[in-house]
Amino acid sequence: EVGSGFPPGFQYFRSGTTALFKAAPATSCSGPEYVEYVMNWVDREINNDALFPTNPATPFPKNFLQSVKVIFTRLFRIFAIVYYHHYAQLEESGAVSHLNTSFKHFIFFIWEYDLVAEAEQEALQDIIKEIRLRHAAAFP
């Protein structure tokens, strides 16, 4: 159902925006549709030679960082959907530690390179707060 399957208080929209930022209207969708759309979109983006050149002589485009930020923002939203709507299933299968480890690496990477705006991170603010506290305690 359109608008369902997102973290409480959030709704994400499919956008046809590409690495070259050819804008397309945003479309309402469900959480599962959003995940499928983003995973397919990211696959196309990272395999786009115009954005991620495979020839060492080809320079990266001027909008490379902006494009990477869009990719990481959309991937962050998938983590939010997974935490809110699939946590119980992951817990039952014993896979929560894998999700947490994956997210922890992801979050440290986006913090290091400032890839996802703070406002976007609000959906998982409790988990992020815990990661910050544990990191601060381990590395004062």
N, C-alpha and C. Protein backbone atom coordinates (compact mmCIF):
# COMPACT_ATOMS: atom_id res chain seq x y z
N GLU A 1 0.84 -1.17 0.00
CA GLU A 1 0.00 0.00 0.00
C GLU A 1 0.89 1.25 0.00
N VAL A 2 0.55 2.21 -0.82
CA VAL A 2 1.33 3.44 -0.93
C VAL A 2 1.40 4.12 0.43
N GLY A 3 2.61 4.55 0.81
CA GLY A 3 2.82 5.26 2.06
C GLY A 3 3.05 4.37 3.26
N SER A 4 2.90 3.06 3.12
CA SER A 4 3.12 2.15 4.25
C SER A 4 4.52 1.56 4.19
N GLY A 5 4.96 1.05 5.35
CA GLY A 5 6.25 0.38 5.38
C GLY A 5 7.44 1.28 5.63
N PHE A 6 7.19 2.48 6.14
CA PHE A 6 8.27 3.42 6.44
C PHE A 6 8.38 3.60 7.95
N PRO A 7 9.52 4.14 8.43
CA PRO A 7 9.60 4.44 9.86
C PRO A 7 8.50 5.41 10.26
N PRO A 8 8.00 5.33 11.49
CA PRO A 8 6.94 6.25 11.93
C PRO A 8 7.31 7.72 11.71
N GLY A 9 6.41 8.46 11.09
CA GLY A 9 6.63 9.88 10.85
C GLY A 9 7.42 10.18 9.60
N PHE A 10 7.77 9.14 8.83
CA PHE A 10 8.57 9.34 7.61
C PHE A 10 7.88 8.70 6.43
N GLN A 11 8.06 9.30 5.28
CA GLN A 11 7.66 8.68 4.03
C GLN A 11 8.69 9.08 2.99
N TYR A 12 9.20 8.10 2.29
CA TYR A 12 10.20 8.36 1.27
C TYR A 12 9.52 8.20 -0.09
N PHE A 13 10.01 8.93 -1.07
CA PHE A 13 9.42 8.92 -2.39
C PHE A 13 10.42 8.43 -3.42
N ARG A 14 9.92 7.73 -4.41
CA ARG A 14 10.77 7.35 -5.54
C ARG A 14 11.01 8.60 -6.36
N SER A 15 12.23 8.75 -6.80
CA SER A 15 12.58 9.90 -7.64
C SER A 15 13.35 9.39 -8.83
N GLY A 16 13.08 9.95 -9.97
CA GLY A 16 13.77 9.53 -11.17
C GLY A 16 15.09 10.24 -11.35
N THR A 17 15.53 10.99 -10.33
CA THR A 17 16.79 11.72 -10.43
C THR A 17 17.94 10.76 -10.67
N THR A 18 18.77 11.07 -11.64
CA THR A 18 19.91 10.22 -11.96
C THR A 18 21.20 10.88 -11.50
N ALA A 19 22.31 10.20 -11.73
CA ALA A 19 23.61 10.73 -11.35
C ALA A 19 23.88 12.07 -12.03
N LEU A 20 23.32 12.26 -13.19
CA LEU A 20 23.52 13.52 -13.89
C LEU A 20 22.45 14.54 -13.51
N PHE A 21 21.64 14.18 -12.51
CA PHE A 21 20.60 15.04 -11.95
C PHE A 21 19.60 15.54 -12.98
N LYS A 22 19.13 14.60 -13.79
CA LYS A 22 17.99 14.88 -14.66
C LYS A 22 16.76 14.64 -13.81
N ALA A 23 16.14 15.71 -13.38
CA ALA A 23 15.04 15.60 -12.43
C ALA A 23 13.82 14.94 -13.03
N ALA A 24 13.16 14.15 -12.21
CA ALA A 24 11.89 13.54 -12.55
C ALA A 24 11.01 13.70 -11.32
N PRO A 25 9.71 13.74 -11.51
CA PRO A 25 8.84 13.95 -10.36
C PRO A 25 8.94 12.80 -9.35
N ALA A 26 8.82 13.15 -8.08
CA ALA A 26 8.82 12.15 -7.01
C ALA A 26 7.48 11.44 -7.02
N THR A 27 7.50 10.14 -6.71
CA THR A 27 6.30 9.33 -6.74
C THR A 27 6.12 8.64 -5.40
N SER A 28 4.90 8.66 -4.87
CA SER A 28 4.61 7.93 -3.64
C SER A 28 4.71 6.44 -3.91
N CYS A 29 5.14 5.71 -2.87
CA CYS A 29 5.27 4.26 -3.00
C CYS A 29 5.23 3.66 -1.60
N SER A 30 5.25 2.34 -1.52
CA SER A 30 5.32 1.66 -0.23
C SER A 30 6.79 1.44 0.13
N GLY A 31 7.05 1.05 1.38
CA GLY A 31 8.42 0.76 1.81
C GLY A 31 9.08 -0.30 0.95
N PRO A 32 8.42 -1.46 0.73
CA PRO A 32 9.04 -2.49 -0.11
C PRO A 32 9.32 -2.01 -1.54
N GLU A 33 8.41 -1.22 -2.10
CA GLU A 33 8.64 -0.68 -3.45
C GLU A 33 9.83 0.27 -3.44
N TYR A 34 9.95 1.06 -2.37
CA TYR A 34 11.07 2.00 -2.26
C TYR A 34 12.39 1.24 -2.22
N VAL A 35 12.45 0.18 -1.40
CA VAL A 35 13.67 -0.61 -1.29
C VAL A 35 14.05 -1.20 -2.64
N GLU A 36 13.09 -1.79 -3.32
CA GLU A 36 13.38 -2.39 -4.63
C GLU A 36 13.85 -1.33 -5.62
N TYR A 37 13.16 -0.20 -5.63
CA TYR A 37 13.53 0.89 -6.53
C TYR A 37 14.96 1.36 -6.25
N VAL A 38 15.27 1.63 -4.98
CA VAL A 38 16.58 2.17 -4.63
C VAL A 38 17.69 1.17 -4.95
N MET A 39 17.49 -0.10 -4.63
CA MET A 39 18.54 -1.08 -4.90
C MET A 39 18.82 -1.18 -6.40
N ASN A 40 17.78 -1.17 -7.22
CA ASN A 40 17.98 -1.19 -8.67
C ASN A 40 18.63 0.10 -9.16
N TRP A 41 18.19 1.23 -8.61
CA TRP A 41 18.74 2.53 -8.99
C TRP A 41 20.21 2.62 -8.63
N VAL A 42 20.57 2.21 -7.41
CA VAL A 42 21.97 2.25 -6.97
C VAL A 42 22.83 1.36 -7.87
N ASP A 43 22.32 0.19 -8.21
CA ASP A 43 23.05 -0.70 -9.11
C ASP A 43 23.35 0.00 -10.44
N ARG A 44 22.35 0.68 -10.98
CA ARG A 44 22.57 1.41 -12.25
C ARG A 44 23.58 2.55 -12.06
N GLU A 45 23.47 3.26 -10.94
CA GLU A 45 24.37 4.40 -10.70
C GLU A 45 25.82 3.96 -10.56
N ILE A 46 26.06 2.91 -9.76
CA ILE A 46 27.46 2.51 -9.54
C ILE A 46 28.06 1.83 -10.76
N ASN A 47 27.22 1.40 -11.68
CA ASN A 47 27.71 0.83 -12.93
C ASN A 47 27.70 1.84 -14.07
N ASN A 48 27.44 3.08 -13.76
CA ASN A 48 27.40 4.16 -14.75
C ASN A 48 28.83 4.72 -14.92
N ASP A 49 29.43 4.46 -16.06
CA ASP A 49 30.80 4.92 -16.31
C ASP A 49 30.93 6.44 -16.30
N ALA A 50 29.84 7.14 -16.53
CA ALA A 50 29.90 8.61 -16.48
C ALA A 50 30.07 9.10 -15.04
N LEU A 51 29.55 8.33 -14.08
CA LEU A 51 29.65 8.71 -12.67
C LEU A 51 30.85 8.05 -11.99
N PHE A 52 31.05 6.77 -12.25
CA PHE A 52 32.17 6.00 -11.68
C PHE A 52 33.02 5.48 -12.83
N PRO A 53 33.90 6.33 -13.34
CA PRO A 53 34.71 5.94 -14.51
C PRO A 53 35.56 4.70 -14.22
N THR A 54 35.61 3.82 -15.18
CA THR A 54 36.43 2.61 -15.05
C THR A 54 37.78 2.77 -15.73
N ASN A 55 37.90 3.78 -16.55
CA ASN A 55 39.16 4.07 -17.22
C ASN A 55 39.94 5.06 -16.35
N PRO A 56 41.16 4.71 -15.93
CA PRO A 56 41.93 5.61 -15.06
C PRO A 56 42.19 6.99 -15.68
N ALA A 57 42.12 7.09 -16.98
CA ALA A 57 42.35 8.37 -17.64
C ALA A 57 41.11 9.27 -17.63
N THR A 58 39.97 8.71 -17.28
CA THR A 58 38.73 9.48 -17.28
C THR A 58 38.52 10.12 -15.91
N PRO A 59 38.36 11.42 -15.87
CA PRO A 59 38.15 12.08 -14.57
C PRO A 59 36.75 11.82 -14.02
N PHE A 60 36.63 11.93 -12.72
CA PHE A 60 35.31 11.84 -12.11
C PHE A 60 34.53 13.11 -12.46
N PRO A 61 33.21 13.02 -12.56
CA PRO A 61 32.43 14.21 -12.91
C PRO A 61 32.44 15.24 -11.78
N LYS A 62 32.13 16.46 -12.12
CA LYS A 62 32.13 17.54 -11.13
C LYS A 62 31.08 17.31 -10.05
N ASN A 63 30.01 16.62 -10.39
CA ASN A 63 28.94 16.38 -9.42
C ASN A 63 29.10 15.04 -8.69
N PHE A 64 30.30 14.48 -8.69
CA PHE A 64 30.53 13.16 -8.09
C PHE A 64 30.12 13.13 -6.62
N LEU A 65 30.61 14.04 -5.81
CA LEU A 65 30.30 14.03 -4.39
C LEU A 65 28.80 14.20 -4.15
N GLN A 66 28.19 15.10 -4.88
CA GLN A 66 26.74 15.30 -4.74
C GLN A 66 25.99 14.02 -5.09
N SER A 67 26.41 13.32 -6.13
CA SER A 67 25.78 12.06 -6.53
C SER A 67 25.97 10.99 -5.47
N VAL A 68 27.16 10.90 -4.90
CA VAL A 68 27.44 9.91 -3.86
C VAL A 68 26.58 10.20 -2.63
N LYS A 69 26.38 11.46 -2.30
CA LYS A 69 25.54 11.81 -1.17
C LYS A 69 24.10 11.35 -1.38
N VAL A 70 23.60 11.47 -2.59
CA VAL A 70 22.24 11.00 -2.89
C VAL A 70 22.19 9.48 -2.74
N ILE A 71 23.18 8.79 -3.24
CA ILE A 71 23.23 7.33 -3.12
C ILE A 71 23.21 6.92 -1.64
N PHE A 72 24.08 7.52 -0.83
CA PHE A 72 24.17 7.14 0.58
C PHE A 72 22.93 7.55 1.36
N THR A 73 22.31 8.65 1.01
CA THR A 73 21.07 9.05 1.68
C THR A 73 19.98 8.02 1.43
N ARG A 74 19.86 7.58 0.19
CA ARG A 74 18.84 6.58 -0.12
C ARG A 74 19.15 5.24 0.52
N LEU A 75 20.42 4.87 0.61
CA LEU A 75 20.79 3.62 1.29
C LEU A 75 20.50 3.72 2.79
N PHE A 76 20.73 4.90 3.37
CA PHE A 76 20.40 5.11 4.79
C PHE A 76 18.91 4.85 5.02
N ARG A 77 18.08 5.33 4.12
CA ARG A 77 16.64 5.15 4.26
C ARG A 77 16.27 3.66 4.25
N ILE A 78 17.01 2.87 3.49
CA ILE A 78 16.75 1.43 3.49
C ILE A 78 17.08 0.84 4.86
N PHE A 79 18.19 1.27 5.47
CA PHE A 79 18.48 0.82 6.83
C PHE A 79 17.31 1.17 7.76
N ALA A 80 16.76 2.37 7.63
CA ALA A 80 15.64 2.79 8.49
C ALA A 80 14.44 1.87 8.28
N ILE A 81 14.13 1.55 7.05
CA ILE A 81 13.01 0.65 6.76
C ILE A 81 13.28 -0.73 7.35
N VAL A 82 14.47 -1.24 7.19
CA VAL A 82 14.82 -2.57 7.71
C VAL A 82 14.72 -2.58 9.24
N TYR A 83 15.27 -1.58 9.91
CA TYR A 83 15.22 -1.54 11.37
C TYR A 83 13.77 -1.49 11.88
N TYR A 84 12.93 -0.69 11.23
CA TYR A 84 11.57 -0.54 11.73
C TYR A 84 10.63 -1.66 11.34
N HIS A 85 10.86 -2.29 10.23
CA HIS A 85 9.87 -3.26 9.75
C HIS A 85 10.37 -4.69 9.61
N HIS A 86 11.63 -4.93 9.84
CA HIS A 86 12.15 -6.30 9.68
C HIS A 86 13.02 -6.74 10.85
N TYR A 87 13.11 -5.91 11.87
CA TYR A 87 13.97 -6.21 13.01
C TYR A 87 13.56 -7.53 13.68
N ALA A 88 12.27 -7.72 13.90
CA ALA A 88 11.80 -8.94 14.59
C ALA A 88 12.19 -10.20 13.80
N GLN A 89 12.04 -10.15 12.48
CA GLN A 89 12.41 -11.31 11.66
C GLN A 89 13.92 -11.55 11.71
N LEU A 90 14.69 -10.47 11.71
CA LEU A 90 16.15 -10.61 11.79
C LEU A 90 16.55 -11.15 13.15
N GLU A 91 15.84 -10.72 14.18
CA GLU A 91 16.12 -11.21 15.52
C GLU A 91 15.82 -12.71 15.62
N GLU A 92 14.69 -13.13 15.06
CA GLU A 92 14.31 -14.55 15.07
C GLU A 92 15.33 -15.41 14.34
N SER A 93 15.90 -14.88 13.29
CA SER A 93 16.87 -15.67 12.51
C SER A 93 18.31 -15.50 13.01
N GLY A 94 18.49 -14.70 14.05
CA GLY A 94 19.82 -14.51 14.62
C GLY A 94 20.72 -13.61 13.79
N ALA A 95 20.11 -12.75 12.99
CA ALA A 95 20.89 -11.91 12.09
C ALA A 95 21.01 -10.45 12.53
N VAL A 96 20.48 -10.10 13.69
CA VAL A 96 20.52 -8.70 14.15
C VAL A 96 21.95 -8.21 14.30
N SER A 97 22.83 -9.05 14.79
CA SER A 97 24.22 -8.60 14.97
C SER A 97 24.85 -8.25 13.62
N HIS A 98 24.46 -8.94 12.57
CA HIS A 98 24.97 -8.62 11.24
C HIS A 98 24.43 -7.27 10.76
N LEU A 99 23.14 -7.04 11.00
CA LEU A 99 22.54 -5.75 10.65
C LEU A 99 23.23 -4.63 11.43
N ASN A 100 23.40 -4.82 12.74
CA ASN A 100 24.02 -3.78 13.56
C ASN A 100 25.45 -3.49 13.14
N THR A 101 26.21 -4.54 12.84
CA THR A 101 27.60 -4.34 12.41
C THR A 101 27.64 -3.61 11.08
N SER A 102 26.78 -4.02 10.18
CA SER A 102 26.72 -3.38 8.86
C SER A 102 26.36 -1.90 9.00
N PHE A 103 25.36 -1.63 9.82
CA PHE A 103 24.93 -0.24 10.01
C PHE A 103 26.01 0.58 10.70
N LYS A 104 26.69 -0.01 11.67
CA LYS A 104 27.75 0.72 12.38
C LYS A 104 28.85 1.13 11.39
N HIS A 105 29.27 0.22 10.53
CA HIS A 105 30.29 0.56 9.52
C HIS A 105 29.76 1.64 8.58
N PHE A 106 28.52 1.50 8.17
CA PHE A 106 27.89 2.47 7.27
C PHE A 106 27.86 3.84 7.92
N ILE A 107 27.44 3.90 9.18
CA ILE A 107 27.29 5.20 9.86
C ILE A 107 28.65 5.87 10.07
N PHE A 108 29.68 5.09 10.44
CA PHE A 108 31.01 5.69 10.59
C PHE A 108 31.51 6.24 9.25
N PHE A 109 31.23 5.54 8.17
CA PHE A 109 31.65 6.00 6.85
C PHE A 109 30.94 7.29 6.46
N ILE A 110 29.62 7.35 6.68
CA ILE A 110 28.91 8.58 6.31
C ILE A 110 29.31 9.75 7.19
N TRP A 111 29.65 9.48 8.45
CA TRP A 111 30.14 10.56 9.32
C TRP A 111 31.50 11.05 8.86
N GLU A 112 32.37 10.14 8.54
CA GLU A 112 33.73 10.51 8.11
C GLU A 112 33.72 11.40 6.89
N TYR A 113 32.83 11.12 5.95
CA TYR A 113 32.82 11.86 4.69
C TYR A 113 31.61 12.79 4.55
N ASP A 114 30.84 12.97 5.62
CA ASP A 114 29.69 13.88 5.63
C ASP A 114 28.77 13.60 4.44
N LEU A 115 28.30 12.37 4.35
CA LEU A 115 27.54 11.95 3.17
C LEU A 115 26.02 12.00 3.33
N VAL A 116 25.53 12.01 4.57
CA VAL A 116 24.08 12.04 4.80
C VAL A 116 23.78 13.16 5.79
N ALA A 117 22.88 14.04 5.40
CA ALA A 117 22.52 15.19 6.25
C ALA A 117 21.98 14.71 7.60
N GLU A 118 22.25 15.48 8.65
CA GLU A 118 21.77 15.15 9.99
C GLU A 118 20.26 14.94 10.01
N ALA A 119 19.52 15.80 9.31
CA ALA A 119 18.06 15.69 9.29
C ALA A 119 17.61 14.34 8.74
N GLU A 120 18.32 13.80 7.79
CA GLU A 120 17.99 12.48 7.22
C GLU A 120 18.21 11.36 8.23
N GLN A 121 19.09 11.58 9.19
CA GLN A 121 19.45 10.54 10.15
C GLN A 121 18.46 10.44 11.31
N GLU A 122 17.48 11.33 11.36
CA GLU A 122 16.53 11.36 12.47
C GLU A 122 15.72 10.08 12.61
N ALA A 123 15.46 9.38 11.52
CA ALA A 123 14.65 8.16 11.59
C ALA A 123 15.30 7.11 12.49
N LEU A 124 16.60 7.13 12.59
CA LEU A 124 17.32 6.15 13.42
C LEU A 124 18.10 6.83 14.54
N GLN A 125 17.58 7.95 15.02
CA GLN A 125 18.31 8.76 16.00
C GLN A 125 18.65 8.00 17.28
N ASP A 126 17.77 7.10 17.75
CA ASP A 126 18.07 6.36 18.98
C ASP A 126 19.24 5.41 18.79
N ILE A 127 19.27 4.72 17.68
CA ILE A 127 20.37 3.80 17.38
C ILE A 127 21.66 4.58 17.18
N ILE A 128 21.58 5.67 16.48
CA ILE A 128 22.76 6.50 16.22
C ILE A 128 23.31 7.09 17.53
N LYS A 129 22.42 7.51 18.39
CA LYS A 129 22.84 8.05 19.69
C LYS A 129 23.62 6.99 20.47
N GLU A 130 23.14 5.76 20.45
CA GLU A 130 23.82 4.67 21.15
C GLU A 130 25.19 4.40 20.54
N ILE A 131 25.28 4.44 19.22
CA ILE A 131 26.58 4.24 18.56
C ILE A 131 27.55 5.35 18.97
N ARG A 132 27.07 6.59 18.98
CA ARG A 132 27.92 7.73 19.39
C ARG A 132 28.42 7.56 20.83
N LEU A 133 27.52 7.17 21.73
CA LEU A 133 27.88 7.00 23.14
C LEU A 133 28.92 5.90 23.32
N ARG A 134 28.70 4.78 22.66
CA ARG A 134 29.66 3.66 22.78
C ARG A 134 31.00 4.01 22.16
N HIS A 135 30.97 4.74 21.04
CA HIS A 135 32.22 5.14 20.39
C HIS A 135 32.98 6.13 21.27
N ALA A 136 32.26 7.09 21.85
CA ALA A 136 32.89 8.08 22.72
C ALA A 136 33.50 7.44 23.94
N ALA A 137 32.82 6.43 24.49
CA ALA A 137 33.34 5.74 25.67
C ALA A 137 34.58 4.91 25.32
N ALA A 138 34.60 4.32 24.14
CA ALA A 138 35.74 3.48 23.73
C ALA A 138 36.91 4.32 23.26
N PHE A 139 36.63 5.50 22.69
CA PHE A 139 37.69 6.36 22.16
C PHE A 139 37.52 7.78 22.68
N PRO A 140 37.85 7.99 23.98
CA PRO A 140 37.64 9.33 24.58
C PRO A 140 38.50 10.42 23.97
